Amino acid sequence: MFSVRVEADFAAAHFLSHYHGKCENLHGHNYRVRVWVRGTELDEGGMLVDFGVLKQKLRELIAGLDHTNLNDKPEFKNDPSAERIARFIFKSLEELLPKVSVDPRLLWAVDVYETPTSMARYEK
């Protein structure tokens, strides 16, 4: 099994409406997103996927989240947790990858770091 990972960053604000503590107040994070693909077959060039293509789609996607208040996004239902952000990115990439000839079945996991030590993952 081969695995490939790319990552990108974005900054955004959010608050958690259903959390009782300091995170229910508006605050921000410098998020790091890691996207994992895996598979058993390499292309004729010996690659599972092109790093550049995968990174480009990830950057295009998170550009819509960068420097926003995530609570304003209907996808997060006013509670933009790292878990929901990871699922949103995963599902969005599943739709975007076929447009650049990447089999979306290769998408395995998306990690979203709110801090260097706190991460949520959405995976198949």
PDB file of N, CA and C in Angstrom:
ATOM      1  N   MET A   1       0.855  -1.175   0.000  1.00  0.00           N
ATOM      2  CA  MET A   1       0.000   0.000   0.000  1.00  0.00           C
ATOM      3  C   MET A   1       0.897   1.234   0.000  1.00  0.00           C
ATOM      4  N   PHE A   2       0.578   2.175  -0.872  1.00  0.00           N
ATOM      5  CA  PHE A   2       1.295   3.443  -0.947  1.00  0.00           C
ATOM      6  C   PHE A   2       0.442   4.527  -0.311  1.00  0.00           C
ATOM      7  N   SER A   3       1.073   5.471   0.369  1.00  0.00           N
ATOM      8  CA  SER A   3       0.389   6.627   0.944  1.00  0.00           C
ATOM      9  C   SER A   3       1.100   7.898   0.512  1.00  0.00           C
ATOM     10  N   VAL A   4       0.312   8.912   0.251  1.00  0.00           N
ATOM     11  CA  VAL A   4       0.832  10.233  -0.109  1.00  0.00           C
ATOM     12  C   VAL A   4       0.098  11.246   0.756  1.00  0.00           C
ATOM     13  N   ARG A   5       0.832  12.248   1.235  1.00  0.00           N
ATOM     14  CA  ARG A   5       0.227  13.295   2.054  1.00  0.00           C
ATOM     15  C   ARG A   5       0.656  14.654   1.552  1.00  0.00           C
ATOM     16  N   VAL A   6      -0.297  15.588   1.500  1.00  0.00           N
ATOM     17  CA  VAL A   6       0.009  16.996   1.249  1.00  0.00           C
ATOM     18  C   VAL A   6      -0.621  17.803   2.370  1.00  0.00           C
ATOM     19  N   GLU A   7      -0.129  19.019   2.535  1.00  0.00           N
ATOM     20  CA  GLU A   7      -0.706  19.862   3.583  1.00  0.00           C
ATOM     21  C   GLU A   7      -0.719  21.314   3.158  1.00  0.00           C
ATOM     22  N   ALA A   8      -1.598  22.042   3.798  1.00  0.00           N
ATOM     23  CA  ALA A   8      -1.732  23.477   3.561  1.00  0.00           C
ATOM     24  C   ALA A   8      -2.303  24.099   4.826  1.00  0.00           C
ATOM     25  N   ASP A   9      -2.233  25.416   4.913  1.00  0.00           N
ATOM     26  CA  ASP A   9      -2.674  26.137   6.105  1.00  0.00           C
ATOM     27  C   ASP A   9      -3.707  27.193   5.740  1.00  0.00           C
ATOM     28  N   PHE A  10      -4.543  27.515   6.716  1.00  0.00           N
ATOM     29  CA  PHE A  10      -5.433  28.663   6.599  1.00  0.00           C
ATOM     30  C   PHE A  10      -5.708  29.198   7.992  1.00  0.00           C
ATOM     31  N   ALA A  11      -6.080  30.467   8.054  1.00  0.00           N
ATOM     32  CA  ALA A  11      -6.417  31.107   9.323  1.00  0.00           C
ATOM     33  C   ALA A  11      -7.890  31.463   9.294  1.00  0.00           C
ATOM     34  N   ALA A  12      -8.576  31.218  10.401  1.00  0.00           N
ATOM     35  CA  ALA A  12     -10.004  31.530  10.454  1.00  0.00           C
ATOM     36  C   ALA A  12     -10.439  31.686  11.906  1.00  0.00           C
ATOM     37  N   ALA A  13     -11.565  32.359  12.059  1.00  0.00           N
ATOM     38  CA  ALA A  13     -12.183  32.539  13.372  1.00  0.00           C
ATOM     39  C   ALA A  13     -13.380  31.603  13.480  1.00  0.00           C
ATOM     40  N   HIS A  14     -13.754  31.296  14.711  1.00  0.00           N
ATOM     41  CA  HIS A  14     -14.966  30.521  14.962  1.00  0.00           C
ATOM     42  C   HIS A  14     -15.325  30.595  16.432  1.00  0.00           C
ATOM     43  N   PHE A  15     -16.519  30.124  16.727  1.00  0.00           N
ATOM     44  CA  PHE A  15     -16.924  29.877  18.111  1.00  0.00           C
ATOM     45  C   PHE A  15     -17.821  28.654  18.086  1.00  0.00           C
ATOM     46  N   LEU A  16     -17.898  27.982  19.213  1.00  0.00           N
ATOM     47  CA  LEU A  16     -18.690  26.755  19.309  1.00  0.00           C
ATOM     48  C   LEU A  16     -19.917  27.038  20.165  1.00  0.00           C
ATOM     49  N   SER A  17     -21.061  27.113  19.519  1.00  0.00           N
ATOM     50  CA  SER A  17     -22.309  27.500  20.187  1.00  0.00           C
ATOM     51  C   SER A  17     -22.730  26.521  21.278  1.00  0.00           C
ATOM     52  N   HIS A  18     -22.429  25.259  21.088  1.00  0.00           N
ATOM     53  CA  HIS A  18     -22.882  24.237  22.033  1.00  0.00           C
ATOM     54  C   HIS A  18     -21.769  23.747  22.953  1.00  0.00           C
ATOM     55  N   TYR A  19     -20.753  24.573  23.114  1.00  0.00           N
ATOM     56  CA  TYR A  19     -19.644  24.259  24.005  1.00  0.00           C
ATOM     57  C   TYR A  19     -19.736  25.206  25.188  1.00  0.00           C
ATOM     58  N   HIS A  20     -19.542  24.703  26.367  1.00  0.00           N
ATOM     59  CA  HIS A  20     -19.638  25.549  27.552  1.00  0.00           C
ATOM     60  C   HIS A  20     -18.241  25.731  28.140  1.00  0.00           C
ATOM     61  N   GLY A  21     -17.644  26.833  27.789  1.00  0.00           N
ATOM     62  CA  GLY A  21     -16.288  27.149  28.199  1.00  0.00           C
ATOM     63  C   GLY A  21     -15.758  28.246  27.298  1.00  0.00           C
ATOM     64  N   LYS A  22     -14.452  28.448  27.345  1.00  0.00           N
ATOM     65  CA  LYS A  22     -13.881  29.581  26.632  1.00  0.00           C
ATOM     66  C   LYS A  22     -14.043  29.492  25.115  1.00  0.00           C
ATOM     67  N   CYS A  23     -14.221  28.304  24.568  1.00  0.00           N
ATOM     68  CA  CYS A  23     -14.355  28.164  23.113  1.00  0.00           C
ATOM     69  C   CYS A  23     -15.727  28.573  22.589  1.00  0.00           C
ATOM     70  N   GLU A  24     -16.640  28.927  23.491  1.00  0.00           N
ATOM     71  CA  GLU A  24     -17.917  29.459  23.007  1.00  0.00           C
ATOM     72  C   GLU A  24     -17.785  30.937  22.641  1.00  0.00           C
ATOM     73  N   ASN A  25     -16.637  31.529  22.950  1.00  0.00           N
ATOM     74  CA  ASN A  25     -16.349  32.908  22.548  1.00  0.00           C
ATOM     75  C   ASN A  25     -15.631  32.900  21.205  1.00  0.00           C
ATOM     76  N   LEU A  26     -15.834  33.951  20.432  1.00  0.00           N
ATOM     77  CA  LEU A  26     -15.160  34.085  19.147  1.00  0.00           C
ATOM     78  C   LEU A  26     -13.645  34.086  19.361  1.00  0.00           C
ATOM     79  N   HIS A  27     -12.959  33.247  18.610  1.00  0.00           N
ATOM     80  CA  HIS A  27     -11.500  33.156  18.674  1.00  0.00           C
ATOM     81  C   HIS A  27     -10.990  32.623  17.337  1.00  0.00           C
ATOM     82  N   GLY A  28      -9.699  32.597  17.156  1.00  0.00           N
ATOM     83  CA  GLY A  28      -9.145  32.166  15.880  1.00  0.00           C
ATOM     84  C   GLY A  28      -8.102  31.085  16.022  1.00  0.00           C
ATOM     85  N   HIS A  29      -7.839  30.449  14.888  1.00  0.00           N
ATOM     86  CA  HIS A  29      -6.805  29.412  14.802  1.00  0.00           C
ATOM     87  C   HIS A  29      -6.049  29.578  13.498  1.00  0.00           C
ATOM     88  N   ASN A  30      -4.824  29.151  13.524  1.00  0.00           N
ATOM     89  CA  ASN A  30      -4.059  28.942  12.301  1.00  0.00           C
ATOM     90  C   ASN A  30      -4.124  27.436  12.043  1.00  0.00           C
ATOM     91  N   TYR A  31      -5.064  27.051  11.198  1.00  0.00           N
ATOM     92  CA  TYR A  31      -5.324  25.636  10.942  1.00  0.00           C
ATOM     93  C   TYR A  31      -4.279  25.066   9.987  1.00  0.00           C
ATOM     94  N   ARG A  32      -3.902  23.845  10.230  1.00  0.00           N
ATOM     95  CA  ARG A  32      -3.080  23.064   9.298  1.00  0.00           C
ATOM     96  C   ARG A  32      -3.938  21.891   8.857  1.00  0.00           C
ATOM     97  N   VAL A  33      -3.996  21.670   7.549  1.00  0.00           N
ATOM     98  CA  VAL A  33      -4.796  20.591   6.975  1.00  0.00           C
ATOM     99  C   VAL A  33      -3.856  19.620   6.273  1.00  0.00           C
ATOM    100  N   ARG A  34      -4.003  18.348   6.590  1.00  0.00           N
ATOM    101  CA  ARG A  34      -3.226  17.294   5.923  1.00  0.00           C
ATOM    102  C   ARG A  34      -4.206  16.362   5.221  1.00  0.00           C
ATOM    103  N   VAL A  35      -3.950  16.139   3.957  1.00  0.00           N
ATOM    104  CA  VAL A  35      -4.790  15.255   3.147  1.00  0.00           C
ATOM    105  C   VAL A  35      -3.971  14.022   2.785  1.00  0.00           C
ATOM    106  N   TRP A  36      -4.564  12.865   3.028  1.00  0.00           N
ATOM    107  CA  TRP A  36      -3.923  11.580   2.765  1.00  0.00           C
ATOM    108  C   TRP A  36      -4.664  10.850   1.647  1.00  0.00           C
ATOM    109  N   VAL A  37      -3.905  10.304   0.718  1.00  0.00           N
ATOM    110  CA  VAL A  37      -4.450   9.380  -0.264  1.00  0.00           C
ATOM    111  C   VAL A  37      -3.636   8.098  -0.157  1.00  0.00           C
ATOM    112  N   ARG A  38      -4.274   6.990  -0.516  1.00  0.00           N
ATOM    113  CA  ARG A  38      -3.538   5.727  -0.494  1.00  0.00           C
ATOM    114  C   ARG A  38      -4.108   4.786  -1.542  1.00  0.00           C
ATOM    115  N   GLY A  39      -3.251   3.907  -2.006  1.00  0.00           N
ATOM    116  CA  GLY A  39      -3.656   2.944  -3.009  1.00  0.00           C
ATOM    117  C   GLY A  39      -2.538   1.968  -3.294  1.00  0.00           C
ATOM    118  N   THR A  40      -2.850   0.996  -4.114  1.00  0.00           N
ATOM    119  CA  THR A  40      -1.893  -0.075  -4.410  1.00  0.00           C
ATOM    120  C   THR A  40      -1.257   0.047  -5.786  1.00  0.00           C
ATOM    121  N   GLU A  41      -1.847   0.872  -6.659  1.00  0.00           N
ATOM    122  CA  GLU A  41      -1.379   0.966  -8.040  1.00  0.00           C
ATOM    123  C   GLU A  41      -0.738   2.328  -8.313  1.00  0.00           C
ATOM    124  N   LEU A  42       0.448   2.287  -8.940  1.00  0.00           N
ATOM    125  CA  LEU A  42       1.127   3.504  -9.357  1.00  0.00           C
ATOM    126  C   LEU A  42       0.881   3.738 -10.843  1.00  0.00           C
ATOM    127  N   ASP A  43       0.949   5.008 -11.246  1.00  0.00           N
ATOM    128  CA  ASP A  43       0.782   5.301 -12.673  1.00  0.00           C
ATOM    129  C   ASP A  43       2.073   4.967 -13.419  1.00  0.00           C
ATOM    130  N   GLU A  44       2.072   5.200 -14.737  1.00  0.00           N
ATOM    131  CA  GLU A  44       3.252   4.854 -15.546  1.00  0.00           C
ATOM    132  C   GLU A  44       4.483   5.649 -15.144  1.00  0.00           C
ATOM    133  N   GLY A  45       4.292   6.775 -14.448  1.00  0.00           N
ATOM    134  CA  GLY A  45       5.427   7.558 -13.960  1.00  0.00           C
ATOM    135  C   GLY A  45       5.886   7.143 -12.577  1.00  0.00           C
ATOM    136  N   GLY A  46       5.263   6.117 -12.021  1.00  0.00           N
ATOM    137  CA  GLY A  46       5.652   5.621 -10.702  1.00  0.00           C
ATOM    138  C   GLY A  46       5.055   6.393  -9.545  1.00  0.00           C
ATOM    139  N   MET A  47       3.962   7.124  -9.812  1.00  0.00           N
ATOM    140  CA  MET A  47       3.339   7.923  -8.748  1.00  0.00           C
ATOM    141  C   MET A  47       1.922   7.435  -8.464  1.00  0.00           C
ATOM    142  N   LEU A  48       1.532   7.550  -7.215  1.00  0.00           N
ATOM    143  CA  LEU A  48       0.149   7.285  -6.827  1.00  0.00           C
ATOM    144  C   LEU A  48      -0.726   8.444  -7.289  1.00  0.00           C
ATOM    145  N   VAL A  49      -0.344   9.667  -6.923  1.00  0.00           N
ATOM    146  CA  VAL A  49      -0.961  10.903  -7.415  1.00  0.00           C
ATOM    147  C   VAL A  49       0.133  11.963  -7.499  1.00  0.00           C
ATOM    148  N   ASP A  50      -0.115  12.956  -8.288  1.00  0.00           N
ATOM    149  CA  ASP A  50       0.814  14.073  -8.417  1.00  0.00           C
ATOM    150  C   ASP A  50       0.643  14.982  -7.199  1.00  0.00           C
ATOM    151  N   PHE A  51       1.718  15.170  -6.427  1.00  0.00           N
ATOM    152  CA  PHE A  51       1.670  16.047  -5.256  1.00  0.00           C
ATOM    153  C   PHE A  51       1.102  17.417  -5.619  1.00  0.00           C
ATOM    154  N   GLY A  52       1.580  17.965  -6.714  1.00  0.00           N
ATOM    155  CA  GLY A  52       1.191  19.311  -7.107  1.00  0.00           C
ATOM    156  C   GLY A  52      -0.286  19.448  -7.386  1.00  0.00           C
ATOM    157  N   VAL A  53      -0.867  18.468  -8.056  1.00  0.00           N
ATOM    158  CA  VAL A  53      -2.295  18.501  -8.368  1.00  0.00           C
ATOM    159  C   VAL A  53      -3.119  18.410  -7.086  1.00  0.00           C
ATOM    160  N   LEU A  54      -2.743  17.497  -6.221  1.00  0.00           N
ATOM    161  CA  LEU A  54      -3.471  17.316  -4.965  1.00  0.00           C
ATOM    162  C   LEU A  54      -3.375  18.573  -4.097  1.00  0.00           C
ATOM    163  N   LYS A  55      -2.182  19.134  -4.002  1.00  0.00           N
ATOM    164  CA  LYS A  55      -1.988  20.344  -3.200  1.00  0.00           C
ATOM    165  C   LYS A  55      -2.751  21.531  -3.785  1.00  0.00           C
ATOM    166  N   GLN A  56      -2.789  21.637  -5.107  1.00  0.00           N
ATOM    167  CA  GLN A  56      -3.510  22.732  -5.751  1.00  0.00           C
ATOM    168  C   GLN A  56      -5.002  22.667  -5.414  1.00  0.00           C
ATOM    169  N   LYS A  57      -5.604  21.486  -5.477  1.00  0.00           N
ATOM    170  CA  LYS A  57      -7.033  21.357  -5.171  1.00  0.00           C
ATOM    171  C   LYS A  57      -7.296  21.661  -3.701  1.00  0.00           C
ATOM    172  N   LEU A  58      -6.408  21.209  -2.815  1.00  0.00           N
ATOM    173  CA  LEU A  58      -6.565  21.511  -1.403  1.00  0.00           C
ATOM    174  C   LEU A  58      -6.485  23.022  -1.175  1.00  0.00           C
ATOM    175  N   ARG A  59      -5.518  23.682  -1.769  1.00  0.00           N
ATOM    176  CA  ARG A  59      -5.365  25.130  -1.581  1.00  0.00           C
ATOM    177  C   ARG A  59      -6.560  25.900  -2.132  1.00  0.00           C
ATOM    178  N   GLU A  60      -7.069  25.482  -3.280  1.00  0.00           N
ATOM    179  CA  GLU A  60      -8.260  26.131  -3.841  1.00  0.00           C
ATOM    180  C   GLU A  60      -9.444  26.002  -2.888  1.00  0.00           C
ATOM    181  N   LEU A  61      -9.596  24.838  -2.310  1.00  0.00           N
ATOM    182  CA  LEU A  61     -10.709  24.585  -1.406  1.00  0.00           C
ATOM    183  C   LEU A  61     -10.608  25.412  -0.130  1.00  0.00           C
ATOM    184  N   ILE A  62      -9.446  25.411   0.503  1.00  0.00           N
ATOM    185  CA  ILE A  62      -9.338  26.123   1.773  1.00  0.00           C
ATOM    186  C   ILE A  62      -9.245  27.629   1.595  1.00  0.00           C
ATOM    187  N   ALA A  63      -9.006  28.097   0.371  1.00  0.00           N
ATOM    188  CA  ALA A  63      -9.024  29.544   0.123  1.00  0.00           C
ATOM    189  C   ALA A  63     -10.392  30.120   0.491  1.00  0.00           C
ATOM    190  N   GLY A  64     -11.444  29.334   0.342  1.00  0.00           N
ATOM    191  CA  GLY A  64     -12.783  29.788   0.706  1.00  0.00           C
ATOM    192  C   GLY A  64     -13.030  29.831   2.204  1.00  0.00           C
ATOM    193  N   LEU A  65     -12.122  29.242   2.984  1.00  0.00           N
ATOM    194  CA  LEU A  65     -12.233  29.256   4.446  1.00  0.00           C
ATOM    195  C   LEU A  65     -11.283  30.276   5.072  1.00  0.00           C
ATOM    196  N   ASP A  66     -10.237  30.622   4.346  1.00  0.00           N
ATOM    197  CA  ASP A  66      -9.181  31.470   4.888  1.00  0.00           C
ATOM    198  C   ASP A  66      -9.694  32.867   5.232  1.00  0.00           C
ATOM    199  N   HIS A  67      -9.325  33.316   6.416  1.00  0.00           N
ATOM    200  CA  HIS A  67      -9.678  34.648   6.920  1.00  0.00           C
ATOM    201  C   HIS A  67     -11.187  34.904   6.888  1.00  0.00           C
ATOM    202  N   THR A  68     -11.935  33.897   7.323  1.00  0.00           N
ATOM    203  CA  THR A  68     -13.385  34.027   7.452  1.00  0.00           C
ATOM    204  C   THR A  68     -13.781  33.681   8.878  1.00  0.00           C
ATOM    205  N   ASN A  69     -15.030  33.968   9.198  1.00  0.00           N
ATOM    206  CA  ASN A  69     -15.641  33.451  10.418  1.00  0.00           C
ATOM    207  C   ASN A  69     -16.367  32.184   9.990  1.00  0.00           C
ATOM    208  N   LEU A  70     -15.870  31.047  10.402  1.00  0.00           N
ATOM    209  CA  LEU A  70     -16.425  29.772   9.962  1.00  0.00           C
ATOM    210  C   LEU A  70     -17.887  29.593  10.372  1.00  0.00           C
ATOM    211  N   ASN A  71     -18.308  30.295  11.402  1.00  0.00           N
ATOM    212  CA  ASN A  71     -19.705  30.216  11.825  1.00  0.00           C
ATOM    213  C   ASN A  71     -20.652  30.762  10.770  1.00  0.00           C
ATOM    214  N   ASP A  72     -20.147  31.571   9.861  1.00  0.00           N
ATOM    215  CA  ASP A  72     -20.977  32.110   8.790  1.00  0.00           C
ATOM    216  C   ASP A  72     -21.215  31.107   7.664  1.00  0.00           C
ATOM    217  N   LYS A  73     -20.526  29.985   7.701  1.00  0.00           N
ATOM    218  CA  LYS A  73     -20.649  28.958   6.657  1.00  0.00           C
ATOM    219  C   LYS A  73     -21.774  27.987   7.025  1.00  0.00           C
ATOM    220  N   PRO A  74     -22.787  27.838   6.164  1.00  0.00           N
ATOM    221  CA  PRO A  74     -23.910  26.944   6.491  1.00  0.00           C
ATOM    222  C   PRO A  74     -23.489  25.484   6.678  1.00  0.00           C
ATOM    223  N   GLU A  75     -22.376  25.088   6.096  1.00  0.00           N
ATOM    224  CA  GLU A  75     -21.912  23.699   6.207  1.00  0.00           C
ATOM    225  C   GLU A  75     -21.619  23.283   7.654  1.00  0.00           C
ATOM    226  N   PHE A  76     -21.332  24.252   8.514  1.00  0.00           N
ATOM    227  CA  PHE A  76     -20.905  23.919   9.868  1.00  0.00           C
ATOM    228  C   PHE A  76     -22.002  24.093  10.918  1.00  0.00           C
ATOM    229  N   LYS A  77     -23.172  24.514  10.518  1.00  0.00           N
ATOM    230  CA  LYS A  77     -24.331  24.615  11.404  1.00  0.00           C
ATOM    231  C   LYS A  77     -24.012  25.330  12.712  1.00  0.00           C
ATOM    232  N   ASN A  78     -23.233  26.390  12.606  1.00  0.00           N
ATOM    233  CA  ASN A  78     -22.877  27.259  13.730  1.00  0.00           C
ATOM    234  C   ASN A  78     -21.988  26.596  14.786  1.00  0.00           C
ATOM    235  N   ASP A  79     -21.498  25.417  14.508  1.00  0.00           N
ATOM    236  CA  ASP A  79     -20.532  24.758  15.390  1.00  0.00           C
ATOM    237  C   ASP A  79     -19.397  24.191  14.536  1.00  0.00           C
ATOM    238  N   PRO A  80     -18.503  25.056  14.061  1.00  0.00           N
ATOM    239  CA  PRO A  80     -17.431  24.601  13.178  1.00  0.00           C
ATOM    240  C   PRO A  80     -16.283  23.947  13.947  1.00  0.00           C
ATOM    241  N   SER A  81     -16.539  22.763  14.415  1.00  0.00           N
ATOM    242  CA  SER A  81     -15.501  22.002  15.120  1.00  0.00           C
ATOM    243  C   SER A  81     -14.469  21.503  14.118  1.00  0.00           C
ATOM    244  N   ALA A  82     -13.326  21.124  14.609  1.00  0.00           N
ATOM    245  CA  ALA A  82     -12.285  20.561  13.742  1.00  0.00           C
ATOM    246  C   ALA A  82     -12.807  19.309  13.039  1.00  0.00           C
ATOM    247  N   GLU A  83     -13.656  18.549  13.719  1.00  0.00           N
ATOM    248  CA  GLU A  83     -14.216  17.342  13.125  1.00  0.00           C
ATOM    249  C   GLU A  83     -15.086  17.678  11.907  1.00  0.00           C
ATOM    250  N   ARG A  84     -15.922  18.688  12.057  1.00  0.00           N
ATOM    251  CA  ARG A  84     -16.790  19.090  10.942  1.00  0.00           C
ATOM    252  C   ARG A  84     -15.998  19.705   9.795  1.00  0.00           C
ATOM    253  N   ILE A  85     -14.952  20.437  10.124  1.00  0.00           N
ATOM    254  CA  ILE A  85     -14.097  21.016   9.080  1.00  0.00           C
ATOM    255  C   ILE A  85     -13.416  19.893   8.298  1.00  0.00           C
ATOM    256  N   ALA A  86     -12.910  18.885   9.000  1.00  0.00           N
ATOM    257  CA  ALA A  86     -12.255  17.753   8.336  1.00  0.00           C
ATOM    258  C   ALA A  86     -13.225  17.032   7.406  1.00  0.00           C
ATOM    259  N   ARG A  87     -14.443  16.797   7.863  1.00  0.00           N
ATOM    260  CA  ARG A  87     -15.450  16.125   7.016  1.00  0.00           C
ATOM    261  C   ARG A  87     -15.782  16.986   5.795  1.00  0.00           C
ATOM    262  N   PHE A  88     -15.951  18.285   5.995  1.00  0.00           N
ATOM    263  CA  PHE A  88     -16.249  19.190   4.888  1.00  0.00           C
ATOM    264  C   PHE A  88     -15.155  19.143   3.830  1.00  0.00           C
ATOM    265  N   ILE A  89     -13.904  19.205   4.248  1.00  0.00           N
ATOM    266  CA  ILE A  89     -12.794  19.179   3.302  1.00  0.00           C
ATOM    267  C   ILE A  89     -12.740  17.836   2.583  1.00  0.00           C
ATOM    268  N   PHE A  90     -12.919  16.746   3.308  1.00  0.00           N
ATOM    269  CA  PHE A  90     -12.902  15.407   2.704  1.00  0.00           C
ATOM    270  C   PHE A  90     -13.977  15.300   1.628  1.00  0.00           C
ATOM    271  N   LYS A  91     -15.209  15.625   1.988  1.00  0.00           N
ATOM    272  CA  LYS A  91     -16.339  15.498   1.050  1.00  0.00           C
ATOM    273  C   LYS A  91     -16.165  16.431  -0.147  1.00  0.00           C
ATOM    274  N   SER A  92     -15.658  17.620   0.081  1.00  0.00           N
ATOM    275  CA  SER A  92     -15.437  18.563  -1.018  1.00  0.00           C
ATOM    276  C   SER A  92     -14.359  18.057  -1.963  1.00  0.00           C
ATOM    277  N   LEU A  93     -13.291  17.485  -1.409  1.00  0.00           N
ATOM    278  CA  LEU A  93     -12.232  16.941  -2.262  1.00  0.00           C
ATOM    279  C   LEU A  93     -12.727  15.747  -3.072  1.00  0.00           C
ATOM    280  N   GLU A  94     -13.594  14.941  -2.494  1.00  0.00           N
ATOM    281  CA  GLU A  94     -14.163  13.819  -3.249  1.00  0.00           C
ATOM    282  C   GLU A  94     -14.834  14.313  -4.530  1.00  0.00           C
ATOM    283  N   GLU A  95     -15.439  15.483  -4.464  1.00  0.00           N
ATOM    284  CA  GLU A  95     -16.099  16.055  -5.643  1.00  0.00           C
ATOM    285  C   GLU A  95     -15.117  16.718  -6.598  1.00  0.00           C
ATOM    286  N   LEU A  96     -14.039  17.292  -6.073  1.00  0.00           N
ATOM    287  CA  LEU A  96     -13.086  18.031  -6.903  1.00  0.00           C
ATOM    288  C   LEU A  96     -12.066  17.137  -7.618  1.00  0.00           C
ATOM    289  N   LEU A  97     -11.670  16.045  -7.008  1.00  0.00           N
ATOM    290  CA  LEU A  97     -10.577  15.245  -7.558  1.00  0.00           C
ATOM    291  C   LEU A  97     -10.851  14.661  -8.937  1.00  0.00           C
ATOM    292  N   PRO A  98     -12.062  14.181  -9.225  1.00  0.00           N
ATOM    293  CA  PRO A  98     -12.283  13.651 -10.580  1.00  0.00           C
ATOM    294  C   PRO A  98     -12.074  14.700 -11.674  1.00  0.00           C
ATOM    295  N   LYS A  99     -12.238  15.966 -11.341  1.00  0.00           N
ATOM    296  CA  LYS A  99     -12.067  17.044 -12.328  1.00  0.00           C
ATOM    297  C   LYS A  99     -10.616  17.206 -12.754  1.00  0.00           C
ATOM    298  N   VAL A 100      -9.687  16.635 -11.980  1.00  0.00           N
ATOM    299  CA  VAL A 100      -8.265  16.684 -12.330  1.00  0.00           C
ATOM    300  C   VAL A 100      -7.713  15.266 -12.522  1.00  0.00           C
ATOM    301  N   SER A 101      -8.603  14.360 -12.893  1.00  0.00           N
ATOM    302  CA  SER A 101      -8.248  12.969 -13.211  1.00  0.00           C
ATOM    303  C   SER A 101      -7.599  12.222 -12.055  1.00  0.00           C
ATOM    304  N   VAL A 102      -8.023  12.525 -10.829  1.00  0.00           N
ATOM    305  CA  VAL A 102      -7.579  11.766  -9.660  1.00  0.00           C
ATOM    306  C   VAL A 102      -8.776  10.965  -9.169  1.00  0.00           C
ATOM    307  N   ASP A 103      -8.586   9.671  -9.012  1.00  0.00           N
ATOM    308  CA  ASP A 103      -9.653   8.793  -8.554  1.00  0.00           C
ATOM    309  C   ASP A 103     -10.006   9.156  -7.109  1.00  0.00           C
ATOM    310  N   PRO A 104     -11.222   9.620  -6.841  1.00  0.00           N
ATOM    311  CA  PRO A 104     -11.576  10.022  -5.470  1.00  0.00           C
ATOM    312  C   PRO A 104     -11.579   8.869  -4.482  1.00  0.00           C
ATOM    313  N   ARG A 105     -11.588   7.638  -4.973  1.00  0.00           N
ATOM    314  CA  ARG A 105     -11.521   6.487  -4.063  1.00  0.00           C
ATOM    315  C   ARG A 105     -10.166   6.381  -3.377  1.00  0.00           C
ATOM    316  N   LEU A 106      -9.160   7.090  -3.914  1.00  0.00           N
ATOM    317  CA  LEU A 106      -7.838   7.101  -3.284  1.00  0.00           C
ATOM    318  C   LEU A 106      -7.807   7.966  -2.026  1.00  0.00           C
ATOM    319  N   LEU A 107      -8.739   8.903  -1.920  1.00  0.00           N
ATOM    320  CA  LEU A 107      -8.778   9.781  -0.749  1.00  0.00           C
ATOM    321  C   LEU A 107      -9.043   8.934   0.486  1.00  0.00           C
ATOM    322  N   TRP A 108      -8.162   9.055   1.471  1.00  0.00           N
ATOM    323  CA  TRP A 108      -8.256   8.200   2.640  1.00  0.00           C
ATOM    324  C   TRP A 108      -8.600   8.970   3.910  1.00  0.00           C
ATOM    325  N   ALA A 109      -7.948  10.115   4.137  1.00  0.00           N
ATOM    326  CA  ALA A 109      -8.169  10.828   5.398  1.00  0.00           C
ATOM    327  C   ALA A 109      -7.827  12.296   5.240  1.00  0.00           C
ATOM    328  N   VAL A 110      -8.478  13.107   6.073  1.00  0.00           N
ATOM    329  CA  VAL A 110      -8.158  14.528   6.195  1.00  0.00           C
ATOM    330  C   VAL A 110      -7.972  14.826   7.674  1.00  0.00           C
ATOM    331  N   ASP A 111      -6.817  15.389   8.000  1.00  0.00           N
ATOM    332  CA  ASP A 111      -6.507  15.816   9.363  1.00  0.00           C
ATOM    333  C   ASP A 111      -6.606  17.330   9.419  1.00  0.00           C
ATOM    334  N   VAL A 112      -7.253  17.843  10.460  1.00  0.00           N
ATOM    335  CA  VAL A 112      -7.328  19.283  10.680  1.00  0.00           C
ATOM    336  C   VAL A 112      -6.755  19.570  12.062  1.00  0.00           C
ATOM    337  N   TYR A 113      -5.671  20.326  12.076  1.00  0.00           N
ATOM    338  CA  TYR A 113      -5.012  20.729  13.318  1.00  0.00           C
ATOM    339  C   TYR A 113      -5.481  22.130  13.686  1.00  0.00           C
ATOM    340  N   GLU A 114      -6.028  22.271  14.878  1.00  0.00           N
ATOM    341  CA  GLU A 114      -6.334  23.607  15.406  1.00  0.00           C
ATOM    342  C   GLU A 114      -5.098  24.203  16.065  1.00  0.00           C
ATOM    343  N   THR A 115      -4.307  23.347  16.646  1.00  0.00           N
ATOM    344  CA  THR A 115      -3.033  23.725  17.246  1.00  0.00           C
ATOM    345  C   THR A 115      -2.046  22.620  16.887  1.00  0.00           C
ATOM    346  N   PRO A 116      -0.760  22.813  17.145  1.00  0.00           N
ATOM    347  CA  PRO A 116       0.197  21.744  16.835  1.00  0.00           C
ATOM    348  C   PRO A 116      -0.072  20.440  17.592  1.00  0.00           C
ATOM    349  N   THR A 117      -0.840  20.499  18.685  1.00  0.00           N
ATOM    350  CA  THR A 117      -1.062  19.294  19.489  1.00  0.00           C
ATOM    351  C   THR A 117      -2.519  18.827  19.513  1.00  0.00           C
ATOM    352  N   SER A 118      -3.406  19.476  18.752  1.00  0.00           N
ATOM    353  CA  SER A 118      -4.830  19.108  18.756  1.00  0.00           C
ATOM    354  C   SER A 118      -5.319  18.945  17.327  1.00  0.00           C
ATOM    355  N   MET A 119      -5.723  17.716  16.991  1.00  0.00           N
ATOM    356  CA  MET A 119      -6.083  17.379  15.630  1.00  0.00           C
ATOM    357  C   MET A 119      -7.346  16.538  15.605  1.00  0.00           C
ATOM    358  N   ALA A 120      -8.160  16.721  14.552  1.00  0.00           N
ATOM    359  CA  ALA A 120      -9.307  15.858  14.294  1.00  0.00           C
ATOM    360  C   ALA A 120      -9.120  15.252  12.902  1.00  0.00           C
ATOM    361  N   ARG A 121      -9.583  14.030  12.729  1.00  0.00           N
ATOM    362  CA  ARG A 121      -9.441  13.330  11.447  1.00  0.00           C
ATOM    363  C   ARG A 121     -10.809  12.847  10.986  1.00  0.00           C
ATOM    364  N   TYR A 122     -11.034  12.958   9.664  1.00  0.00           N
ATOM    365  CA  TYR A 122     -12.162  12.303   9.011  1.00  0.00           C
ATOM    366  C   TYR A 122     -11.583  11.368   7.988  1.00  0.00           C
ATOM    367  N   GLU A 123     -11.998  10.109   8.027  1.00  0.00           N
ATOM    368  CA  GLU A 123     -11.436   9.114   7.099  1.00  0.00           C
ATOM    369  C   GLU A 123     -12.514   8.162   6.614  1.00  0.00           C
ATOM    370  N   LYS A 124     -12.166   7.454   5.563  1.00  0.00           N
ATOM    371  CA  LYS A 124     -13.067   6.425   5.023  1.00  0.00           C
ATOM    372  C   LYS A 124     -13.227   5.326   6.031  1.00  0.00           C
TER     373      LYS A 124
END
